[in-house]
Structures are given as C-alpha cells and as structure tokens.
N, C-alpha and C. Protein backbone atom coordinates (compact mmCIF):
# COMPACT_ATOMS: atom_id res chain seq x y z
N MET A 1 -14.57 -17.14 7.15
CA MET A 1 -13.62 -16.07 7.29
C MET A 1 -12.34 -16.43 6.54
N ARG A 2 -11.71 -15.42 5.98
CA ARG A 2 -10.46 -15.62 5.25
C ARG A 2 -9.50 -14.48 5.60
N ILE A 3 -8.22 -14.80 5.67
CA ILE A 3 -7.20 -13.83 6.03
C ILE A 3 -6.28 -13.60 4.84
N GLY A 4 -5.90 -12.35 4.63
CA GLY A 4 -4.96 -12.01 3.57
C GLY A 4 -3.87 -11.10 4.09
N HIS A 5 -2.70 -11.19 3.47
CA HIS A 5 -1.56 -10.35 3.84
C HIS A 5 -1.08 -9.61 2.60
N GLY A 6 -0.76 -8.34 2.76
CA GLY A 6 -0.22 -7.56 1.66
C GLY A 6 1.03 -6.82 2.09
N TYR A 7 1.93 -6.62 1.16
CA TYR A 7 3.18 -5.92 1.44
C TYR A 7 3.56 -5.11 0.21
N ASP A 8 4.04 -3.90 0.43
CA ASP A 8 4.55 -3.10 -0.68
C ASP A 8 5.65 -2.19 -0.16
N VAL A 9 6.57 -1.84 -1.04
CA VAL A 9 7.65 -0.92 -0.70
C VAL A 9 8.04 -0.15 -1.97
N HIS A 10 8.28 1.14 -1.80
CA HIS A 10 8.79 1.98 -2.89
C HIS A 10 9.86 2.88 -2.31
N ARG A 11 10.82 3.26 -3.15
CA ARG A 11 11.88 4.14 -2.67
C ARG A 11 11.60 5.58 -3.09
N PHE A 12 12.17 6.49 -2.33
CA PHE A 12 12.07 7.91 -2.65
C PHE A 12 12.87 8.23 -3.90
N GLY A 13 12.49 9.30 -4.58
CA GLY A 13 13.26 9.74 -5.73
C GLY A 13 12.41 10.29 -6.86
N SER A 14 11.14 10.50 -6.61
CA SER A 14 10.23 10.98 -7.64
C SER A 14 9.83 12.42 -7.35
N ASP A 15 9.46 13.15 -8.41
CA ASP A 15 8.93 14.50 -8.21
C ASP A 15 7.41 14.47 -8.01
N LYS A 16 6.84 13.27 -7.90
CA LYS A 16 5.41 13.13 -7.61
C LYS A 16 5.13 13.55 -6.17
N LYS A 17 3.87 13.83 -5.89
CA LYS A 17 3.46 14.09 -4.51
C LYS A 17 3.55 12.79 -3.73
N LEU A 18 3.83 12.90 -2.43
CA LEU A 18 3.83 11.72 -1.57
C LEU A 18 2.40 11.47 -1.11
N ILE A 19 1.85 10.34 -1.55
CA ILE A 19 0.47 9.96 -1.22
C ILE A 19 0.53 8.66 -0.43
N LEU A 20 -0.08 8.67 0.76
CA LEU A 20 -0.15 7.48 1.60
C LEU A 20 -1.55 7.36 2.17
N GLY A 21 -2.15 6.21 2.01
CA GLY A 21 -3.51 6.02 2.49
C GLY A 21 -4.50 6.96 1.83
N GLY A 22 -4.18 7.37 0.60
CA GLY A 22 -5.05 8.29 -0.13
C GLY A 22 -4.91 9.74 0.30
N VAL A 23 -3.92 10.04 1.13
CA VAL A 23 -3.73 11.38 1.68
C VAL A 23 -2.40 11.95 1.19
N GLU A 24 -2.41 13.20 0.76
CA GLU A 24 -1.17 13.87 0.36
C GLU A 24 -0.41 14.27 1.62
N ILE A 25 0.84 13.82 1.71
CA ILE A 25 1.70 14.11 2.85
C ILE A 25 2.72 15.15 2.40
N PRO A 26 2.76 16.31 3.05
CA PRO A 26 3.75 17.32 2.65
C PRO A 26 5.17 16.83 2.93
N PHE A 27 5.94 16.67 1.87
CA PHE A 27 7.31 16.16 1.98
C PHE A 27 8.01 16.55 0.69
N GLY A 28 9.24 16.74 0.63
CA GLY A 28 9.92 17.27 -0.56
C GLY A 28 10.05 16.32 -1.72
N VAL A 29 9.76 15.04 -1.52
CA VAL A 29 10.00 14.05 -2.56
C VAL A 29 8.92 12.98 -2.50
N GLY A 30 8.64 12.40 -3.66
CA GLY A 30 7.65 11.33 -3.72
C GLY A 30 8.29 9.98 -3.90
N LEU A 31 7.47 8.97 -4.05
CA LEU A 31 7.93 7.60 -4.23
C LEU A 31 7.96 7.24 -5.71
N ILE A 32 8.98 6.49 -6.10
CA ILE A 32 9.10 6.05 -7.49
C ILE A 32 8.12 4.90 -7.72
N ALA A 33 7.22 5.08 -8.67
CA ALA A 33 6.19 4.06 -8.93
C ALA A 33 5.51 4.35 -10.26
N HIS A 34 4.90 3.33 -10.83
CA HIS A 34 4.13 3.47 -12.06
C HIS A 34 2.82 4.23 -11.78
N SER A 35 2.19 3.89 -10.66
CA SER A 35 0.95 4.57 -10.26
C SER A 35 1.34 5.75 -9.37
N ASP A 36 0.47 6.12 -8.43
CA ASP A 36 0.82 7.20 -7.50
C ASP A 36 1.77 6.73 -6.40
N GLY A 37 2.04 5.42 -6.33
CA GLY A 37 3.01 4.89 -5.37
C GLY A 37 2.50 4.77 -3.95
N ASP A 38 1.20 4.75 -3.75
CA ASP A 38 0.62 4.70 -2.41
C ASP A 38 0.81 3.29 -1.82
N VAL A 39 1.90 3.09 -1.08
CA VAL A 39 2.21 1.77 -0.54
C VAL A 39 1.15 1.28 0.44
N VAL A 40 0.48 2.19 1.13
CA VAL A 40 -0.56 1.79 2.08
C VAL A 40 -1.72 1.12 1.33
N LEU A 41 -2.19 1.78 0.30
CA LEU A 41 -3.32 1.21 -0.45
C LEU A 41 -2.91 -0.01 -1.27
N HIS A 42 -1.67 -0.03 -1.75
CA HIS A 42 -1.21 -1.21 -2.48
C HIS A 42 -1.15 -2.44 -1.56
N ALA A 43 -0.65 -2.26 -0.35
CA ALA A 43 -0.60 -3.37 0.60
C ALA A 43 -2.01 -3.81 0.98
N LEU A 44 -2.91 -2.85 1.17
CA LEU A 44 -4.30 -3.19 1.49
C LEU A 44 -4.94 -3.94 0.33
N CYS A 45 -4.73 -3.48 -0.90
CA CYS A 45 -5.28 -4.19 -2.07
C CYS A 45 -4.77 -5.62 -2.12
N ASP A 46 -3.47 -5.81 -1.91
CA ASP A 46 -2.91 -7.16 -1.95
C ASP A 46 -3.47 -8.03 -0.83
N ALA A 47 -3.69 -7.47 0.34
CA ALA A 47 -4.26 -8.24 1.45
C ALA A 47 -5.68 -8.68 1.11
N LEU A 48 -6.47 -7.78 0.55
CA LEU A 48 -7.84 -8.12 0.16
C LEU A 48 -7.85 -9.17 -0.94
N LEU A 49 -7.03 -8.96 -1.95
CA LEU A 49 -6.98 -9.92 -3.06
C LEU A 49 -6.51 -11.29 -2.57
N GLY A 50 -5.50 -11.31 -1.71
CA GLY A 50 -4.99 -12.56 -1.18
C GLY A 50 -6.04 -13.31 -0.37
N ALA A 51 -6.78 -12.58 0.45
CA ALA A 51 -7.82 -13.22 1.27
C ALA A 51 -8.89 -13.88 0.40
N ALA A 52 -9.16 -13.29 -0.75
CA ALA A 52 -10.19 -13.83 -1.64
C ALA A 52 -9.62 -14.74 -2.72
N SER A 53 -8.33 -15.07 -2.64
CA SER A 53 -7.65 -15.91 -3.64
C SER A 53 -7.79 -15.34 -5.05
N LEU A 54 -7.52 -14.04 -5.16
CA LEU A 54 -7.64 -13.34 -6.44
C LEU A 54 -6.29 -12.82 -6.94
N ARG A 55 -5.22 -13.55 -6.61
CA ARG A 55 -3.86 -13.20 -7.06
C ARG A 55 -3.38 -11.93 -6.38
N ASP A 56 -2.83 -10.98 -7.15
CA ASP A 56 -2.25 -9.79 -6.53
C ASP A 56 -2.50 -8.55 -7.38
N ILE A 57 -2.13 -7.42 -6.82
CA ILE A 57 -2.40 -6.13 -7.47
C ILE A 57 -1.71 -6.03 -8.83
N GLY A 58 -0.49 -6.56 -8.94
CA GLY A 58 0.24 -6.51 -10.21
C GLY A 58 -0.42 -7.32 -11.31
N PHE A 59 -1.11 -8.38 -10.94
CA PHE A 59 -1.83 -9.19 -11.92
C PHE A 59 -3.00 -8.39 -12.51
N HIS A 60 -3.75 -7.72 -11.65
CA HIS A 60 -4.94 -7.00 -12.09
C HIS A 60 -4.63 -5.63 -12.68
N PHE A 61 -3.55 -4.99 -12.20
CA PHE A 61 -3.20 -3.64 -12.63
C PHE A 61 -1.70 -3.59 -12.96
N PRO A 62 -1.29 -4.20 -14.07
CA PRO A 62 0.14 -4.34 -14.37
C PRO A 62 0.85 -3.00 -14.54
N ASP A 63 2.10 -2.96 -14.07
CA ASP A 63 2.86 -1.71 -14.13
C ASP A 63 3.46 -1.44 -15.51
N ASN A 64 3.12 -2.24 -16.48
CA ASN A 64 3.55 -1.96 -17.86
C ASN A 64 2.37 -1.50 -18.71
N SER A 65 1.24 -1.23 -18.06
CA SER A 65 0.05 -0.78 -18.77
C SER A 65 -0.12 0.73 -18.62
N ASN A 66 -0.26 1.42 -19.74
CA ASN A 66 -0.49 2.87 -19.71
C ASN A 66 -1.79 3.23 -19.02
N GLU A 67 -2.74 2.30 -18.98
CA GLU A 67 -4.02 2.55 -18.32
C GLU A 67 -3.83 2.91 -16.85
N PHE A 68 -2.77 2.37 -16.23
CA PHE A 68 -2.57 2.57 -14.80
C PHE A 68 -1.43 3.54 -14.48
N LYS A 69 -0.86 4.18 -15.50
CA LYS A 69 0.21 5.14 -15.30
C LYS A 69 -0.32 6.32 -14.49
N ASP A 70 0.31 6.57 -13.33
CA ASP A 70 -0.02 7.69 -12.43
C ASP A 70 -1.45 7.63 -11.88
N ILE A 71 -2.11 6.48 -11.95
CA ILE A 71 -3.48 6.34 -11.46
C ILE A 71 -3.53 6.50 -9.94
N SER A 72 -4.60 7.06 -9.45
CA SER A 72 -4.83 7.15 -8.01
C SER A 72 -5.10 5.76 -7.47
N SER A 73 -4.41 5.42 -6.42
CA SER A 73 -4.61 4.09 -5.81
C SER A 73 -5.96 3.96 -5.13
N ILE A 74 -6.63 5.06 -4.88
CA ILE A 74 -8.02 4.99 -4.39
C ILE A 74 -8.89 4.30 -5.44
N ILE A 75 -8.66 4.60 -6.71
CA ILE A 75 -9.41 3.96 -7.79
C ILE A 75 -9.12 2.46 -7.79
N LEU A 76 -7.85 2.09 -7.63
CA LEU A 76 -7.49 0.67 -7.60
C LEU A 76 -8.15 -0.02 -6.40
N LEU A 77 -8.12 0.63 -5.24
CA LEU A 77 -8.75 0.05 -4.04
C LEU A 77 -10.24 -0.17 -4.26
N LYS A 78 -10.90 0.79 -4.84
CA LYS A 78 -12.34 0.63 -5.10
C LYS A 78 -12.60 -0.54 -6.04
N ARG A 79 -11.77 -0.69 -7.06
CA ARG A 79 -11.94 -1.81 -8.01
C ARG A 79 -11.68 -3.15 -7.31
N VAL A 80 -10.67 -3.19 -6.48
CA VAL A 80 -10.37 -4.42 -5.73
C VAL A 80 -11.53 -4.75 -4.80
N TYR A 81 -12.05 -3.76 -4.11
CA TYR A 81 -13.14 -4.04 -3.18
C TYR A 81 -14.39 -4.51 -3.92
N GLU A 82 -14.60 -4.00 -5.12
CA GLU A 82 -15.71 -4.49 -5.94
C GLU A 82 -15.51 -5.97 -6.28
N MET A 83 -14.27 -6.36 -6.58
CA MET A 83 -13.98 -7.78 -6.85
C MET A 83 -14.31 -8.63 -5.63
N ILE A 84 -13.96 -8.12 -4.46
CA ILE A 84 -14.19 -8.84 -3.20
C ILE A 84 -15.69 -8.99 -2.95
N THR A 85 -16.41 -7.88 -3.10
CA THR A 85 -17.86 -7.94 -2.84
C THR A 85 -18.59 -8.78 -3.89
N ASN A 86 -18.07 -8.79 -5.12
CA ASN A 86 -18.67 -9.64 -6.16
C ASN A 86 -18.54 -11.12 -5.83
N LYS A 87 -17.55 -11.47 -5.01
CA LYS A 87 -17.40 -12.86 -4.56
C LYS A 87 -18.18 -13.11 -3.26
N GLY A 88 -18.93 -12.11 -2.81
CA GLY A 88 -19.76 -12.27 -1.62
C GLY A 88 -19.07 -11.97 -0.30
N TYR A 89 -17.92 -11.32 -0.34
CA TYR A 89 -17.17 -11.02 0.87
C TYR A 89 -17.27 -9.55 1.23
N ALA A 90 -17.04 -9.27 2.49
CA ALA A 90 -16.91 -7.90 2.99
C ALA A 90 -15.71 -7.87 3.92
N LEU A 91 -15.09 -6.72 4.03
CA LEU A 91 -13.95 -6.55 4.92
C LEU A 91 -14.43 -6.49 6.37
N SER A 92 -13.95 -7.43 7.17
CA SER A 92 -14.26 -7.40 8.61
C SER A 92 -13.35 -6.41 9.32
N ASN A 93 -12.05 -6.54 9.09
CA ASN A 93 -11.10 -5.56 9.62
C ASN A 93 -9.77 -5.70 8.92
N CYS A 94 -8.97 -4.64 9.05
CA CYS A 94 -7.63 -4.63 8.47
C CYS A 94 -6.69 -3.90 9.42
N ASP A 95 -5.52 -4.46 9.60
CA ASP A 95 -4.47 -3.85 10.42
C ASP A 95 -3.29 -3.55 9.50
N ILE A 96 -2.90 -2.29 9.46
CA ILE A 96 -1.88 -1.82 8.52
C ILE A 96 -0.72 -1.21 9.30
N THR A 97 0.51 -1.58 8.93
CA THR A 97 1.70 -0.98 9.53
C THR A 97 2.53 -0.34 8.43
N VAL A 98 2.74 0.97 8.55
CA VAL A 98 3.57 1.72 7.61
C VAL A 98 4.96 1.82 8.21
N ILE A 99 5.98 1.52 7.40
CA ILE A 99 7.37 1.53 7.86
C ILE A 99 8.09 2.65 7.13
N ALA A 100 8.49 3.68 7.88
CA ALA A 100 9.13 4.84 7.27
C ALA A 100 10.04 5.53 8.28
N GLU A 101 11.24 5.82 7.87
CA GLU A 101 12.14 6.62 8.70
C GLU A 101 11.70 8.08 8.70
N LYS A 102 11.20 8.52 7.56
CA LYS A 102 10.69 9.87 7.41
C LYS A 102 9.65 9.86 6.31
N PRO A 103 8.70 10.74 6.31
CA PRO A 103 8.39 11.76 7.30
C PRO A 103 7.62 11.17 8.48
N LYS A 104 7.38 11.96 9.48
CA LYS A 104 6.58 11.55 10.64
C LYS A 104 5.12 11.43 10.16
N LEU A 105 4.53 10.25 10.34
CA LEU A 105 3.21 9.97 9.77
C LEU A 105 2.05 10.02 10.75
N SER A 106 2.33 9.94 12.04
CA SER A 106 1.22 9.85 13.00
C SER A 106 0.18 10.97 12.87
N PRO A 107 0.55 12.21 12.53
CA PRO A 107 -0.49 13.24 12.39
C PRO A 107 -1.47 12.99 11.25
N PHE A 108 -1.09 12.15 10.28
CA PHE A 108 -1.91 11.92 9.10
C PHE A 108 -2.75 10.65 9.17
N ILE A 109 -2.53 9.85 10.19
CA ILE A 109 -3.23 8.57 10.28
C ILE A 109 -4.75 8.72 10.36
N PRO A 110 -5.30 9.61 11.17
CA PRO A 110 -6.78 9.73 11.18
C PRO A 110 -7.36 10.06 9.81
N GLU A 111 -6.68 10.91 9.05
CA GLU A 111 -7.18 11.25 7.71
C GLU A 111 -7.06 10.06 6.76
N MET A 112 -5.99 9.25 6.90
CA MET A 112 -5.85 8.05 6.08
C MET A 112 -7.01 7.09 6.35
N VAL A 113 -7.31 6.87 7.63
CA VAL A 113 -8.41 5.97 8.00
C VAL A 113 -9.72 6.49 7.41
N LYS A 114 -9.94 7.78 7.53
CA LYS A 114 -11.17 8.39 7.00
C LYS A 114 -11.26 8.20 5.48
N THR A 115 -10.17 8.44 4.78
CA THR A 115 -10.15 8.32 3.32
C THR A 115 -10.45 6.88 2.89
N ILE A 116 -9.82 5.92 3.54
CA ILE A 116 -10.03 4.51 3.19
C ILE A 116 -11.45 4.07 3.49
N THR A 117 -11.94 4.40 4.67
CA THR A 117 -13.29 3.95 5.04
C THR A 117 -14.36 4.61 4.17
N GLU A 118 -14.14 5.85 3.77
CA GLU A 118 -15.09 6.49 2.85
C GLU A 118 -15.04 5.83 1.47
N ALA A 119 -13.85 5.48 1.01
CA ALA A 119 -13.73 4.83 -0.31
C ALA A 119 -14.42 3.48 -0.33
N LEU A 120 -14.36 2.76 0.79
CA LEU A 120 -14.95 1.42 0.87
C LEU A 120 -16.36 1.42 1.45
N ASP A 121 -16.80 2.58 1.93
CA ASP A 121 -18.11 2.72 2.57
C ASP A 121 -18.27 1.73 3.73
N ILE A 122 -17.28 1.78 4.64
CA ILE A 122 -17.29 0.92 5.82
C ILE A 122 -17.07 1.77 7.07
N ASP A 123 -17.34 1.19 8.23
CA ASP A 123 -17.12 1.89 9.49
C ASP A 123 -15.64 2.06 9.76
N LYS A 124 -15.29 3.17 10.41
CA LYS A 124 -13.87 3.46 10.65
C LYS A 124 -13.21 2.50 11.62
N ASP A 125 -13.98 1.77 12.41
CA ASP A 125 -13.37 0.82 13.34
C ASP A 125 -12.92 -0.47 12.64
N ARG A 126 -13.09 -0.55 11.33
CA ARG A 126 -12.63 -1.72 10.58
C ARG A 126 -11.21 -1.56 10.04
N ILE A 127 -10.67 -0.34 10.14
CA ILE A 127 -9.32 -0.06 9.63
C ILE A 127 -8.46 0.47 10.77
N ASN A 128 -7.31 -0.13 10.97
CA ASN A 128 -6.33 0.36 11.94
C ASN A 128 -5.03 0.61 11.19
N ILE A 129 -4.47 1.80 11.38
CA ILE A 129 -3.18 2.14 10.76
C ILE A 129 -2.24 2.60 11.85
N LYS A 130 -1.01 2.11 11.77
CA LYS A 130 0.04 2.57 12.68
C LYS A 130 1.31 2.75 11.88
N ALA A 131 2.22 3.55 12.40
CA ALA A 131 3.48 3.81 11.71
C ALA A 131 4.64 3.49 12.64
N THR A 132 5.71 3.02 12.05
CA THR A 132 6.91 2.70 12.81
C THR A 132 8.14 2.98 11.96
N THR A 133 9.28 2.99 12.60
CA THR A 133 10.55 3.08 11.87
C THR A 133 11.26 1.75 12.02
N GLU A 134 12.37 1.61 11.32
CA GLU A 134 13.22 0.43 11.49
C GLU A 134 14.57 0.87 12.07
N GLU A 135 14.54 2.02 12.73
CA GLU A 135 15.74 2.56 13.38
C GLU A 135 16.92 2.62 12.41
N GLY A 136 16.62 2.90 11.14
CA GLY A 136 17.65 3.04 10.12
C GLY A 136 18.25 1.74 9.64
N LEU A 137 17.66 0.61 10.00
CA LEU A 137 18.26 -0.69 9.68
C LEU A 137 17.65 -1.40 8.48
N GLY A 138 16.42 -1.09 8.12
CA GLY A 138 15.73 -1.94 7.15
C GLY A 138 15.59 -1.36 5.76
N LEU A 139 14.77 -2.04 4.95
CA LEU A 139 14.49 -1.66 3.57
C LEU A 139 13.95 -0.25 3.44
N ALA A 140 13.15 0.17 4.40
CA ALA A 140 12.48 1.46 4.29
C ALA A 140 13.41 2.63 4.55
N GLY A 141 14.69 2.39 4.74
CA GLY A 141 15.63 3.47 5.00
C GLY A 141 15.64 4.54 3.94
N ASN A 142 15.41 4.20 2.69
CA ASN A 142 15.39 5.16 1.60
C ASN A 142 14.04 5.16 0.90
N GLY A 143 13.00 4.87 1.63
CA GLY A 143 11.66 4.83 1.05
C GLY A 143 10.65 4.53 2.13
N ILE A 144 9.55 3.94 1.70
CA ILE A 144 8.47 3.61 2.63
C ILE A 144 7.94 2.22 2.27
N GLY A 145 7.73 1.42 3.30
CA GLY A 145 7.15 0.10 3.13
C GLY A 145 5.86 -0.01 3.92
N CYS A 146 5.09 -1.02 3.63
CA CYS A 146 3.82 -1.20 4.34
C CYS A 146 3.41 -2.66 4.34
N HIS A 147 2.92 -3.11 5.50
CA HIS A 147 2.31 -4.44 5.65
C HIS A 147 0.83 -4.23 5.97
N ALA A 148 0.00 -5.09 5.43
CA ALA A 148 -1.43 -5.05 5.75
C ALA A 148 -1.91 -6.49 5.92
N VAL A 149 -2.70 -6.70 6.95
CA VAL A 149 -3.34 -8.00 7.19
C VAL A 149 -4.83 -7.70 7.31
N CYS A 150 -5.64 -8.46 6.58
CA CYS A 150 -7.08 -8.22 6.67
C CYS A 150 -7.84 -9.53 6.82
N LEU A 151 -9.01 -9.39 7.34
CA LEU A 151 -9.95 -10.48 7.51
C LEU A 151 -11.19 -10.15 6.71
N ILE A 152 -11.58 -11.04 5.82
CA ILE A 152 -12.83 -10.86 5.09
C ILE A 152 -13.77 -11.98 5.51
N ASP A 153 -15.04 -11.72 5.35
CA ASP A 153 -16.06 -12.68 5.75
C ASP A 153 -17.20 -12.61 4.75
N LYS A 154 -17.96 -13.69 4.65
CA LYS A 154 -19.13 -13.69 3.77
C LYS A 154 -20.13 -12.67 4.29
N GLU A 155 -20.69 -11.91 3.35
CA GLU A 155 -21.67 -10.88 3.73
C GLU A 155 -22.95 -11.49 4.26
C-alpha cells in the first residue's frame, strides 16, 4: 500500500466555466488556470502521482504547453490513472476536501463522485468528497483550494 497527498488552489477571475470534480458549477466566474482549472481533479491527480512516486501533475502536463491549454481535467485524470495502473496499482480510496467560501458545493458532491468514479471505472465508495470554508481567513478566500489523500495498492 502507498499513500499520496495532493493540493491545488486557483483564484477566481476567469470567464471560463467553473468546473470542479468534472462537474460544471453554476457561478458567475471561473478559476484562472492554463487548463480548465479543476482543483479537485488536479489535487486527486497529484495524490495518485505522489503515491506511485511519479512526480506531479505539472511535470507530466506543464502549464506552458499548448497541448494542455484549456484541456478537460477528466482527460488528465484518466491519463494519470493509466500511469498508476501501468505500474500495477489501483486506487483503494481517496478522501478529498474542497475549500471554498463560495459557491455552496454540497449539492454538487454526489455528481462529482459519480463523474470521478465513472472516469476511473471504480466503485463510488472509493471516493469521498467534502467541502468546507475557512471562515474567510485562508487562501481560498478569493478562489478555491483542494486537498486529496489517496491510498493505492497493488492490483
């Protein structure tokens, strides 16, 4: 068994759609990012890569490459999971915490879980997502942050 941790944060200020966990969240502004800015999937990718000692998302999908400009993070997640499975690992479980003052995310969590588990072709009980605020005190005050911790195991 191996454990990995991922973290990502982006600030608001883009005219892009707000995408979290592969789900479009109705909100007036998106996150500034080279890709779609999905902090949930970016943190999950980093957790998976870290658990398998495969560096980080920026190493594999650099933000100065036109190939990844505005790319869906679902595509990145699928590529990362292929790297993991090619090393003989499978995701045992992942616990994800989204940090956002706004918008309210709890109504979208079941759809995020569904989107992620379908992308990885795993059971929904392997992904847990929760959302919290920092009561206006932290980094996520003008954006959204996310932590992910995952456990991978040999298949």
